[in-house]
Protein backbone atom coordinates (compact mmCIF):
# COMPACT_ATOMS: atom_id res chain seq x y z
CA MET A 1 -93.04 -84.99 -57.39
CA LYS A 2 -92.95 -81.34 -56.40
CA HIS A 3 -94.32 -78.25 -58.13
CA ILE A 4 -92.56 -74.93 -57.59
CA LEU A 5 -94.26 -71.62 -58.34
CA PHE A 6 -92.25 -68.38 -58.34
CA ASN A 7 -93.74 -64.96 -57.65
CA ILE A 8 -91.25 -62.17 -56.80
CA GLY A 9 -89.32 -63.82 -54.04
CA ILE A 10 -92.16 -66.05 -52.67
CA PHE A 11 -92.29 -69.63 -53.76
CA PHE A 12 -94.83 -72.37 -53.19
CA LEU A 13 -93.97 -76.03 -52.81
CA SER A 14 -96.54 -78.80 -52.92
CA THR A 15 -95.30 -81.97 -51.22
CA LEU A 16 -96.64 -85.22 -52.61
CA SER A 17 -95.47 -88.83 -52.34
CA PHE A 18 -91.79 -88.70 -53.28
CA SER A 19 -89.10 -88.60 -50.62
CA GLN A 20 -87.37 -85.42 -51.74
CA SER A 21 -86.79 -82.01 -50.19
CA ILE A 22 -86.11 -78.59 -51.58
CA GLU A 23 -84.35 -76.13 -49.34
CA LYS A 24 -85.24 -72.47 -49.26
CA PHE A 25 -82.27 -70.51 -50.65
CA SER A 26 -82.59 -66.77 -50.73
CA ILE A 27 -80.80 -63.56 -49.91
CA ASP A 28 -83.05 -62.18 -47.25
CA SER A 29 -83.35 -60.57 -43.87
CA GLY A 30 -86.24 -62.73 -42.65
CA GLY A 31 -88.99 -65.17 -43.58
CA ALA A 32 -90.94 -68.22 -42.48
CA SER A 33 -93.01 -71.14 -43.75
CA ALA A 34 -96.57 -72.36 -43.38
CA SER A 35 -98.39 -75.58 -44.37
CA ALA A 36 -102.03 -76.30 -45.11
CA GLY A 37 -103.76 -79.03 -47.12
CA GLY A 38 -100.51 -80.56 -48.32
CA ILE A 39 -99.18 -77.23 -49.53
CA GLN A 40 -96.08 -75.77 -47.97
CA ILE A 41 -95.42 -72.07 -48.46
CA LEU A 42 -91.96 -70.65 -47.95
CA TYR A 43 -91.69 -66.89 -48.00
CA THR A 44 -88.86 -64.47 -47.51
CA ILE A 45 -88.35 -60.80 -46.91
CA GLY A 46 -85.74 -60.19 -49.51
CA GLU A 47 -84.79 -61.71 -52.80
CA VAL A 48 -84.39 -65.20 -54.19
CA ASN A 49 -80.83 -65.98 -55.17
CA VAL A 50 -81.02 -65.56 -58.93
CA GLN A 51 -78.82 -64.17 -61.64
CA GLU A 52 -78.39 -60.41 -61.59
CA TYR A 53 -77.45 -57.77 -64.17
CA SER A 54 -75.63 -54.66 -63.07
CA THR A 55 -74.38 -51.40 -64.56
CA SER A 56 -72.72 -48.45 -62.84
CA THR A 57 -76.09 -47.01 -61.84
CA LEU A 58 -78.57 -49.91 -61.86
CA SER A 59 -78.80 -53.39 -60.40
CA VAL A 60 -81.56 -55.62 -61.81
CA SER A 61 -82.57 -59.02 -60.43
CA GLU A 62 -85.75 -61.11 -60.59
CA GLY A 63 -88.52 -58.82 -59.45
CA PHE A 64 -86.27 -56.09 -58.06
CA ILE A 65 -84.65 -52.89 -59.37
CA ASN A 66 -82.17 -51.33 -56.99
CA PRO A 67 -80.90 -47.86 -57.99
CA GLN A 68 -77.48 -46.90 -56.69
CA GLN A 69 -76.66 -43.32 -55.81
CA LEU A 70 -72.97 -42.68 -56.19
CA ILE A 71 -70.87 -39.86 -54.80
CA ILE A 72 -68.08 -38.19 -56.78
CA LYS A 73 -65.66 -35.64 -55.33
CA ILE A 74 -63.92 -33.06 -57.49
CA ASP A 75 -61.30 -30.41 -56.78
CA PRO A 76 -61.42 -27.86 -59.64
CA LYS A 77 -58.99 -24.97 -60.00
CA ILE A 78 -59.59 -21.70 -61.86
CA PHE A 79 -58.37 -18.09 -61.78
CA LEU A 80 -60.37 -14.90 -62.32
CA GLN A 81 -58.69 -12.18 -64.37
CA GLY A 82 -60.07 -9.30 -62.30
CA PRO A 83 -58.54 -10.03 -58.89
CA TYR A 84 -55.52 -11.95 -60.19
CA ASN A 85 -52.30 -10.86 -58.50
CA THR A 86 -49.04 -12.72 -59.10
CA ALA A 87 -47.56 -16.16 -58.54
CA GLY A 88 -50.86 -17.95 -58.91
CA THR A 89 -52.91 -16.06 -56.34
CA MET A 90 -55.86 -13.67 -56.35
CA LEU A 91 -56.54 -10.68 -54.12
CA ASP A 92 -59.31 -10.92 -51.54
CA GLY A 93 -60.48 -7.31 -51.47
CA LEU A 94 -64.14 -8.21 -51.03
CA ARG A 95 -63.38 -10.39 -48.02
CA ASN A 96 -61.10 -7.75 -46.49
CA SER A 97 -63.89 -5.20 -46.82
CA ASN A 98 -66.47 -7.53 -45.28
CA LEU A 99 -68.55 -7.42 -48.46
CA LEU A 100 -68.73 -11.12 -49.28
CA PRO A 101 -72.29 -12.40 -48.80
CA THR A 102 -72.97 -15.60 -46.89
CA THR A 103 -75.70 -16.38 -49.47
CA SER A 104 -74.65 -17.26 -53.00
CA PRO A 105 -75.56 -14.74 -55.73
CA TYR A 106 -76.61 -17.63 -58.00
CA ILE A 107 -80.05 -19.18 -58.22
CA ASP A 108 -79.59 -22.05 -55.77
CA ALA A 109 -78.91 -19.47 -53.02
CA LYS A 110 -76.60 -21.75 -51.04
CA THR A 111 -75.31 -20.37 -47.77
CA CYS A 112 -72.12 -20.57 -45.75
CA ALA A 113 -71.07 -19.55 -42.26
CA GLN A 114 -69.71 -16.03 -41.78
CA SER A 115 -66.68 -17.48 -39.97
CA ILE A 116 -65.46 -19.03 -43.23
CA PHE A 117 -64.47 -15.54 -44.36
CA ASP A 118 -62.09 -15.20 -41.41
CA VAL A 119 -59.52 -17.40 -43.16
CA THR A 120 -56.62 -15.45 -44.69
CA GLY A 121 -53.74 -16.26 -47.03
CA SER A 122 -53.90 -18.65 -49.96
CA ASN A 123 -57.03 -20.37 -48.62
CA ALA A 124 -58.95 -17.12 -48.17
CA ILE A 125 -62.34 -17.09 -49.89
CA ILE A 126 -62.52 -14.40 -52.56
CA ASP A 127 -66.02 -14.98 -53.98
CA TRP A 128 -68.75 -17.39 -55.03
CA VAL A 129 -68.60 -19.26 -58.35
CA TRP A 130 -71.00 -21.48 -60.30
CA LEU A 131 -70.28 -25.06 -61.42
CA GLU A 132 -72.15 -27.27 -63.88
CA ILE A 133 -71.59 -30.93 -64.73
CA ARG A 134 -72.78 -31.52 -68.30
CA ASP A 135 -73.64 -34.59 -70.28
CA SER A 136 -70.91 -36.06 -72.48
CA SER A 137 -73.21 -36.49 -75.47
CA ASP A 138 -73.81 -32.80 -76.20
CA GLY A 139 -71.91 -30.64 -73.70
CA ILE A 140 -75.15 -28.74 -73.09
CA THR A 141 -77.45 -30.86 -70.91
CA VAL A 142 -76.82 -30.07 -67.25
CA ILE A 143 -76.60 -33.19 -65.07
CA THR A 144 -76.12 -31.25 -61.85
CA SER A 145 -75.07 -27.75 -60.80
CA THR A 146 -74.10 -25.91 -57.65
CA SER A 147 -72.74 -22.74 -56.14
CA ALA A 148 -69.26 -23.08 -54.67
CA LEU A 149 -66.58 -20.94 -53.05
CA LEU A 150 -63.31 -19.82 -54.67
CA GLN A 151 -60.08 -19.60 -52.68
CA ALA A 152 -57.27 -17.12 -53.39
CA ASN A 153 -55.10 -19.96 -54.71
CA GLY A 154 -57.74 -20.87 -57.31
CA ASN A 155 -59.22 -23.91 -55.62
CA VAL A 156 -62.99 -24.27 -55.89
CA VAL A 157 -64.35 -25.67 -52.63
CA ASP A 158 -67.60 -26.55 -50.93
CA VAL A 159 -69.57 -24.20 -48.68
CA ASP A 160 -67.47 -25.16 -45.64
CA GLY A 161 -64.62 -23.26 -47.31
CA ILE A 162 -62.25 -26.23 -47.28
CA SER A 163 -63.64 -29.48 -48.69
CA ALA A 164 -63.70 -30.75 -52.24
CA LEU A 165 -67.08 -30.55 -53.97
CA THR A 166 -69.30 -33.59 -53.49
CA LEU A 167 -71.60 -34.52 -56.38
CA ASN A 168 -74.34 -37.15 -56.36
CA ILE A 169 -73.75 -38.46 -59.88
CA PRO A 170 -72.64 -41.82 -61.32
CA THR A 171 -69.07 -42.37 -62.38
CA GLY A 172 -68.54 -41.46 -66.01
CA ASN A 173 -67.30 -38.86 -68.47
CA TYR A 174 -68.60 -35.30 -68.19
CA TYR A 175 -67.93 -31.76 -69.35
CA ILE A 176 -67.12 -29.29 -66.56
CA VAL A 177 -68.40 -25.69 -66.67
CA LEU A 178 -67.26 -22.95 -64.28
CA ALA A 179 -68.64 -19.42 -64.34
CA HIS A 180 -68.55 -16.21 -62.31
CA ARG A 181 -70.98 -13.32 -61.90
CA ASN A 182 -68.89 -10.78 -63.89
CA HIS A 183 -66.43 -13.01 -65.79
CA LEU A 184 -67.04 -15.15 -68.87
CA GLY A 185 -67.77 -18.80 -68.12
CA ILE A 186 -65.60 -21.63 -69.43
CA ARG A 187 -66.18 -25.28 -70.29
CA SER A 188 -63.63 -28.06 -70.48
CA ALA A 189 -62.63 -28.77 -74.07
CA ASN A 190 -63.05 -32.50 -73.58
CA THR A 191 -65.00 -34.70 -71.24
CA ILE A 192 -63.32 -35.53 -67.96
CA SER A 193 -63.51 -38.98 -66.39
CA LEU A 194 -64.99 -38.72 -62.90
CA THR A 195 -64.43 -41.86 -60.86
CA GLY A 196 -63.84 -42.76 -57.24
CA GLY A 197 -61.73 -40.65 -54.92
CA THR A 198 -61.20 -36.92 -55.35
CA GLN A 199 -60.59 -35.79 -58.93
CA SER A 200 -58.34 -32.75 -59.42
CA ILE A 201 -59.32 -30.60 -62.42
CA ASP A 202 -56.85 -27.83 -63.25
CA LEU A 203 -58.26 -25.33 -65.76
CA THR A 204 -55.53 -22.71 -65.26
CA SER A 205 -52.42 -23.98 -67.00
CA ASP A 206 -53.36 -24.94 -70.57
CA SER A 207 -55.65 -22.96 -72.88
CA THR A 208 -56.25 -26.06 -75.01
CA SER A 209 -58.04 -27.66 -72.07
CA ILE A 210 -60.78 -25.01 -72.47
CA ALA A 211 -63.47 -25.10 -75.17
CA GLY A 212 -62.59 -22.31 -77.60
CA GLY A 213 -58.94 -22.28 -76.53
CA ALA A 214 -57.23 -18.89 -76.47
CA ASN A 215 -60.46 -17.15 -77.53
CA ALA A 216 -62.26 -18.33 -74.41
CA ILE A 217 -59.78 -17.56 -71.66
CA THR A 218 -57.28 -14.81 -70.78
CA ASN A 219 -53.54 -15.44 -70.88
CA LEU A 220 -52.12 -13.93 -67.69
CA GLY A 221 -48.56 -13.88 -69.08
CA ASP A 222 -47.01 -16.02 -66.36
CA GLY A 223 -48.03 -19.45 -67.57
CA ASN A 224 -51.49 -19.22 -66.08
CA PHE A 225 -54.91 -18.59 -67.66
CA ALA A 226 -58.05 -17.04 -66.19
CA LEU A 227 -61.73 -16.46 -66.83
CA SER A 228 -62.02 -13.16 -68.73
CA LEU A 229 -63.54 -10.20 -66.89
CA GLY A 230 -66.18 -7.78 -68.14
CA ASP A 231 -69.51 -9.62 -68.31
CA PHE A 232 -71.34 -7.06 -66.16
CA ASP A 233 -74.83 -7.95 -67.39
CA GLY A 234 -74.28 -11.72 -67.33
CA ASN A 235 -75.24 -12.42 -70.95
CA GLY A 236 -72.06 -14.29 -71.82
CA GLN A 237 -70.44 -11.48 -73.82
CA VAL A 238 -68.35 -8.38 -73.09
CA GLN A 239 -70.05 -5.55 -74.97
CA ASN A 240 -70.60 -1.80 -74.94
CA SER A 241 -73.78 -2.51 -72.96
CA ASP A 242 -71.59 -3.77 -70.11
CA LEU A 243 -69.63 -0.52 -70.21
CA THR A 244 -72.68 1.74 -70.24
CA GLY A 245 -74.32 -0.30 -67.49
CA MET A 246 -71.33 0.16 -65.22
CA LEU A 247 -70.94 3.93 -65.62
CA PRO A 248 -73.78 4.96 -63.27
CA LEU A 249 -72.25 2.82 -60.52
CA LEU A 250 -68.85 4.53 -60.48
CA GLY A 251 -67.87 5.55 -56.97
CA ILE A 252 -69.88 3.01 -55.00
CA SER A 253 -68.37 0.54 -52.56
CA SER A 254 -70.43 -2.65 -52.47
CA TYR A 255 -70.66 -6.24 -53.66
CA SER A 256 -71.38 -5.12 -57.22
CA PHE A 257 -71.19 -6.81 -60.61
CA ALA A 258 -69.51 -3.58 -61.80
CA ASP A 259 -66.51 -4.19 -59.51
CA LEU A 260 -64.56 -6.15 -62.12
CA ASP A 261 -61.24 -6.20 -60.28
CA MET A 262 -63.08 -7.11 -57.06
CA ASN A 263 -61.29 -4.61 -54.84
CA ALA A 264 -64.59 -3.57 -53.17
CA GLN A 265 -64.98 -0.33 -55.17
CA VAL A 266 -66.36 0.55 -58.60
CA GLN A 267 -63.75 2.86 -60.11
CA ASN A 268 -62.32 4.07 -63.41
CA THR A 269 -59.89 1.15 -63.15
CA ASP A 270 -62.82 -1.21 -63.66
CA ILE A 271 -63.66 0.62 -66.88
CA SER A 272 -60.05 0.52 -68.07
CA VAL A 273 -59.68 -3.24 -67.51
CA LEU A 274 -62.93 -3.91 -69.36
CA LEU A 275 -61.99 -2.06 -72.56
CA PRO A 276 -59.40 -4.58 -73.87
CA ASN A 277 -61.96 -7.38 -73.48
CA LEU A 278 -64.72 -5.78 -75.56
CA GLY A 279 -65.92 -8.29 -78.13
CA LEU A 280 -65.06 -11.39 -76.14
CA GLY A 281 -67.70 -14.06 -75.62
CA SER A 282 -67.98 -17.32 -73.72
CA GLN A 283 -67.32 -20.47 -75.73
CA ALA A 284 -68.90 -22.80 -73.21
CA GLY A 285 -72.19 -23.39 -74.99
CA ARG A 286 -75.59 -22.44 -73.68
CA SER A 287 -77.33 -24.67 -71.14
CA GLU A 288 -81.08 -24.97 -71.01
CA ASN A 289 -81.23 -22.74 -67.94
CA THR A 290 -79.03 -19.84 -69.00
CA LYS A 291 -80.21 -16.62 -70.54
CA PRO A 292 -81.71 -17.11 -74.04
CA ILE A 293 -78.65 -16.18 -76.06
CA PRO A 294 -77.33 -18.94 -78.33
CA LYS A 295 -74.05 -20.72 -77.68
CA ILE A 296 -73.01 -18.90 -74.54
CA ILE A 297 -72.95 -19.57 -70.85
CA ALA A 298 -73.56 -17.12 -68.04
CA PRO A 299 -73.82 -18.02 -64.37
CA ARG A 300 -77.41 -18.29 -63.26
CA ARG A 301 -77.40 -15.38 -60.88
CA LYS A 302 -79.93 -13.16 -59.20
CA LEU A 303 -80.73 -10.12 -61.29
CA THR A 304 -79.42 -7.52 -58.86
CA ASN A 305 -76.37 -5.29 -58.82
């Protein structure tokens, strides 16, 4: 007769008079046995082969919990109204004027290499943007967020200026939020399934794919849609306060929130493009880390102009 005692991957066997053997069977990377006083101890470095229960983020077996960190890659696409040109491209006036900062204007202060701004054409970097991945249950809770770079063709890329964005989140359904320092942020109207591989997310071609529809995004008149310009103070609305805040900055040439068309200068043209957007507000829904104004989203930026 044998008695077997289990204790998190170590089991004890007492060998008495019967001619019977029990083999050690475990999933392990090492182990040994020892005997004393008729007691044989088998121990392993690892885990006894027992039934397991797994979900997409958790693996549970007897005595062990093994979290799994998963990597998702996404390739979002957006346009900004201010620098939009024609045929699905945006002008890169800030890059041409050497005004793009290598440090993000948003609160995570990510950095990139200066050489990234040497790229021209459709892959030229025109500015930094802000991305949030939000929980499917409320569209408000932020699962993860990051600064990213925006190319002239609308692609949102990682800080190397080329790669898709890599997110350390489990596979699942999420809302996507994209925002810019002087444009109104947008959120996807529905959750988007993020699984393996690189997920393309085009938020430029259909206003119904944006929360708030036509009220939340600007129709560019050529089949494309863009984030609406004019949110100078970053509160998620285009108001007279944005206009009055910009006026003292007329005439400067810098990386300024007042440069709505992003041509590297704050001019009367920036005032004129703002006026038609007065009264617009973001429909993305406020996250817990945005400014304390209900039901809006503004990129979490440094409070400088």
